[in-house]
Amino acid sequence: MTATNIVQGIWALSAIGLIILVLLHSPKGDGIGAIGGQAQLFSSTKSAEDTLNRVTWALTVIFMGLTVVLSAGWLS
């Protein structure tokens, strides 16, 4: 496997994760709190939303950064 293939795999996984996390967000602020058992992993619904926001932003930065790297052709 080349470095490009590995980066493309990470890029694809971050895209899928980003799609899932965006779908978990609720426009009314319910978000992950609406999913019964999942909210019990966190001390409160607010901390669940904060964690969801942080992970979403991290995946967004990873996805955009890898998009630039792959489109510029810096790995080949």
N, C-alpha and C. Protein backbone atom coordinates (compact mmCIF):
# COMPACT_ATOMS: atom_id res chain seq x y z
N MET A 1 0.84 -1.19 0.00
CA MET A 1 0.00 0.00 0.00
C MET A 1 0.88 1.25 0.00
N THR A 2 0.45 2.20 -0.76
CA THR A 2 1.19 3.45 -0.82
C THR A 2 0.61 4.44 0.18
N ALA A 3 1.35 5.50 0.39
CA ALA A 3 0.88 6.55 1.32
C ALA A 3 -0.42 7.17 0.82
N THR A 4 -0.56 7.29 -0.50
CA THR A 4 -1.78 7.87 -1.06
C THR A 4 -2.99 7.01 -0.74
N ASN A 5 -2.83 5.69 -0.83
CA ASN A 5 -3.95 4.79 -0.52
C ASN A 5 -4.35 4.88 0.95
N ILE A 6 -3.38 4.97 1.82
CA ILE A 6 -3.66 5.08 3.26
C ILE A 6 -4.39 6.39 3.56
N VAL A 7 -3.91 7.48 2.97
CA VAL A 7 -4.54 8.78 3.20
C VAL A 7 -5.95 8.81 2.61
N GLN A 8 -6.15 8.16 1.46
CA GLN A 8 -7.48 8.09 0.88
C GLN A 8 -8.43 7.29 1.76
N GLY A 9 -7.94 6.25 2.40
CA GLY A 9 -8.75 5.47 3.33
C GLY A 9 -9.16 6.29 4.54
N ILE A 10 -8.21 7.02 5.11
CA ILE A 10 -8.52 7.89 6.25
C ILE A 10 -9.50 8.98 5.84
N TRP A 11 -9.31 9.51 4.63
CA TRP A 11 -10.19 10.56 4.10
C TRP A 11 -11.62 10.03 3.96
N ALA A 12 -11.76 8.81 3.42
CA ALA A 12 -13.09 8.22 3.25
C ALA A 12 -13.75 7.94 4.59
N LEU A 13 -12.99 7.42 5.55
CA LEU A 13 -13.55 7.16 6.89
C LEU A 13 -13.98 8.44 7.58
N SER A 14 -13.19 9.51 7.41
CA SER A 14 -13.57 10.78 8.02
C SER A 14 -14.83 11.34 7.36
N ALA A 15 -14.99 11.12 6.06
CA ALA A 15 -16.20 11.58 5.37
C ALA A 15 -17.43 10.85 5.88
N ILE A 16 -17.32 9.53 6.04
CA ILE A 16 -18.45 8.74 6.54
C ILE A 16 -18.78 9.13 7.97
N GLY A 17 -17.74 9.28 8.80
CA GLY A 17 -17.96 9.70 10.19
C GLY A 17 -18.58 11.08 10.28
N LEU A 18 -18.17 11.97 9.41
CA LEU A 18 -18.72 13.33 9.39
C LEU A 18 -20.20 13.30 9.01
N ILE A 19 -20.56 12.49 8.04
CA ILE A 19 -21.96 12.37 7.63
C ILE A 19 -22.81 11.86 8.80
N ILE A 20 -22.32 10.85 9.48
CA ILE A 20 -23.07 10.28 10.61
C ILE A 20 -23.22 11.30 11.73
N LEU A 21 -22.13 12.01 12.06
CA LEU A 21 -22.20 12.97 13.15
C LEU A 21 -23.11 14.15 12.82
N VAL A 22 -23.10 14.60 11.58
CA VAL A 22 -23.98 15.70 11.19
C VAL A 22 -25.44 15.26 11.29
N LEU A 23 -25.71 14.02 10.94
CA LEU A 23 -27.08 13.52 11.06
C LEU A 23 -27.51 13.37 12.52
N LEU A 24 -26.57 13.18 13.43
CA LEU A 24 -26.91 13.08 14.85
C LEU A 24 -27.27 14.43 15.46
N HIS A 25 -26.79 15.50 14.85
CA HIS A 25 -27.12 16.83 15.36
C HIS A 25 -28.60 17.11 15.16
N SER A 26 -29.18 17.80 16.12
CA SER A 26 -30.58 18.17 16.03
C SER A 26 -30.69 19.68 15.90
N PRO A 27 -31.54 20.15 15.02
CA PRO A 27 -31.68 21.61 14.87
C PRO A 27 -32.31 22.27 16.09
N LYS A 28 -33.00 21.50 16.92
CA LYS A 28 -33.63 22.07 18.11
C LYS A 28 -32.81 21.87 19.37
N GLY A 29 -31.62 21.32 19.23
CA GLY A 29 -30.76 21.12 20.39
C GLY A 29 -30.97 19.79 21.09
N ASP A 30 -31.85 18.93 20.57
CA ASP A 30 -32.04 17.62 21.18
C ASP A 30 -30.85 16.71 20.89
N GLY A 31 -30.45 16.67 19.64
CA GLY A 31 -29.28 15.92 19.23
C GLY A 31 -29.22 14.51 19.76
N ILE A 32 -28.09 14.18 20.33
CA ILE A 32 -27.85 12.82 20.81
C ILE A 32 -28.71 12.49 22.03
N GLY A 33 -29.25 13.49 22.70
CA GLY A 33 -30.11 13.25 23.84
C GLY A 33 -31.40 12.55 23.47
N ALA A 34 -31.80 12.64 22.21
CA ALA A 34 -33.02 11.99 21.75
C ALA A 34 -32.84 10.50 21.53
N ILE A 35 -31.61 10.03 21.57
CA ILE A 35 -31.33 8.62 21.32
C ILE A 35 -31.21 7.90 22.65
N GLY A 36 -32.24 7.73 23.35
CA GLY A 36 -32.34 7.02 24.61
C GLY A 36 -31.05 6.68 25.33
N GLY A 37 -30.50 5.49 25.10
CA GLY A 37 -29.37 4.98 25.85
C GLY A 37 -28.06 5.70 25.59
N GLN A 38 -27.90 6.33 24.47
CA GLN A 38 -26.64 6.99 24.16
C GLN A 38 -26.36 8.16 25.11
N ALA A 39 -27.39 8.83 25.56
CA ALA A 39 -27.19 9.99 26.43
C ALA A 39 -26.64 9.58 27.79
N GLN A 40 -26.77 8.32 28.18
CA GLN A 40 -26.30 7.86 29.47
C GLN A 40 -24.78 7.76 29.53
N LEU A 41 -24.12 7.82 28.39
CA LEU A 41 -22.66 7.79 28.38
C LEU A 41 -22.07 9.07 28.91
N PHE A 42 -22.84 10.12 28.92
CA PHE A 42 -22.36 11.44 29.33
C PHE A 42 -23.10 11.86 30.58
N SER A 43 -22.52 12.81 31.32
CA SER A 43 -23.15 13.24 32.57
C SER A 43 -24.41 14.06 32.32
N SER A 44 -24.48 14.72 31.18
CA SER A 44 -25.67 15.49 30.86
C SER A 44 -25.81 15.61 29.35
N THR A 45 -26.97 16.04 28.93
CA THR A 45 -27.21 16.23 27.50
C THR A 45 -26.31 17.33 26.95
N LYS A 46 -26.04 18.35 27.76
CA LYS A 46 -25.18 19.44 27.32
C LYS A 46 -23.76 18.95 27.05
N SER A 47 -23.23 18.09 27.91
CA SER A 47 -21.88 17.58 27.66
C SER A 47 -21.87 16.66 26.45
N ALA A 48 -22.97 15.96 26.20
CA ALA A 48 -23.06 15.11 25.00
C ALA A 48 -23.02 15.98 23.75
N GLU A 49 -23.74 17.09 23.76
CA GLU A 49 -23.73 18.01 22.62
C GLU A 49 -22.35 18.64 22.42
N ASP A 50 -21.72 19.01 23.52
CA ASP A 50 -20.38 19.60 23.42
C ASP A 50 -19.38 18.60 22.83
N THR A 51 -19.46 17.37 23.29
CA THR A 51 -18.58 16.33 22.76
C THR A 51 -18.87 16.07 21.29
N LEU A 52 -20.14 16.02 20.94
CA LEU A 52 -20.53 15.82 19.55
C LEU A 52 -20.01 16.95 18.66
N ASN A 53 -20.10 18.18 19.15
CA ASN A 53 -19.59 19.33 18.40
C ASN A 53 -18.08 19.26 18.22
N ARG A 54 -17.37 18.90 19.27
CA ARG A 54 -15.90 18.82 19.19
C ARG A 54 -15.45 17.74 18.20
N VAL A 55 -16.07 16.58 18.26
CA VAL A 55 -15.71 15.49 17.36
C VAL A 55 -16.06 15.86 15.92
N THR A 56 -17.19 16.52 15.73
CA THR A 56 -17.59 16.96 14.39
C THR A 56 -16.58 17.94 13.82
N TRP A 57 -16.16 18.91 14.62
CA TRP A 57 -15.17 19.88 14.15
C TRP A 57 -13.83 19.22 13.87
N ALA A 58 -13.43 18.28 14.70
CA ALA A 58 -12.16 17.58 14.47
C ALA A 58 -12.20 16.81 13.16
N LEU A 59 -13.29 16.10 12.91
CA LEU A 59 -13.41 15.37 11.65
C LEU A 59 -13.49 16.30 10.45
N THR A 60 -14.09 17.47 10.64
CA THR A 60 -14.15 18.46 9.56
C THR A 60 -12.76 18.95 9.20
N VAL A 61 -11.95 19.23 10.20
CA VAL A 61 -10.57 19.69 9.95
C VAL A 61 -9.76 18.60 9.27
N ILE A 62 -9.90 17.36 9.73
CA ILE A 62 -9.19 16.24 9.12
C ILE A 62 -9.62 16.07 7.67
N PHE A 63 -10.92 16.09 7.42
CA PHE A 63 -11.44 15.90 6.08
C PHE A 63 -10.97 17.01 5.14
N MET A 64 -11.07 18.25 5.57
CA MET A 64 -10.65 19.36 4.71
C MET A 64 -9.15 19.35 4.47
N GLY A 65 -8.37 19.05 5.50
CA GLY A 65 -6.92 18.99 5.35
C GLY A 65 -6.50 17.91 4.38
N LEU A 66 -7.08 16.73 4.51
CA LEU A 66 -6.75 15.65 3.60
C LEU A 66 -7.25 15.92 2.19
N THR A 67 -8.35 16.64 2.06
CA THR A 67 -8.84 17.03 0.74
C THR A 67 -7.81 17.90 0.03
N VAL A 68 -7.25 18.85 0.74
CA VAL A 68 -6.23 19.73 0.16
C VAL A 68 -4.99 18.92 -0.23
N VAL A 69 -4.55 18.04 0.67
CA VAL A 69 -3.35 17.24 0.40
C VAL A 69 -3.55 16.34 -0.81
N LEU A 70 -4.70 15.68 -0.89
CA LEU A 70 -4.96 14.76 -1.99
C LEU A 70 -5.16 15.51 -3.31
N SER A 71 -5.87 16.63 -3.27
CA SER A 71 -6.11 17.36 -4.53
C SER A 71 -4.86 18.06 -5.05
N ALA A 72 -3.95 18.43 -4.16
CA ALA A 72 -2.71 19.10 -4.59
C ALA A 72 -1.70 18.09 -5.12
N GLY A 73 -1.87 16.83 -4.82
CA GLY A 73 -0.97 15.80 -5.29
C GLY A 73 0.37 15.82 -4.59
N TRP A 74 0.39 16.22 -3.34
CA TRP A 74 1.64 16.34 -2.59
C TRP A 74 2.23 14.99 -2.19
N LEU A 75 1.46 13.93 -2.28
CA LEU A 75 1.93 12.62 -1.84
C LEU A 75 2.59 11.81 -2.95
N SER A 76 2.34 12.16 -4.19
CA SER A 76 2.88 11.34 -5.27
C SER A 76 4.16 11.90 -5.85
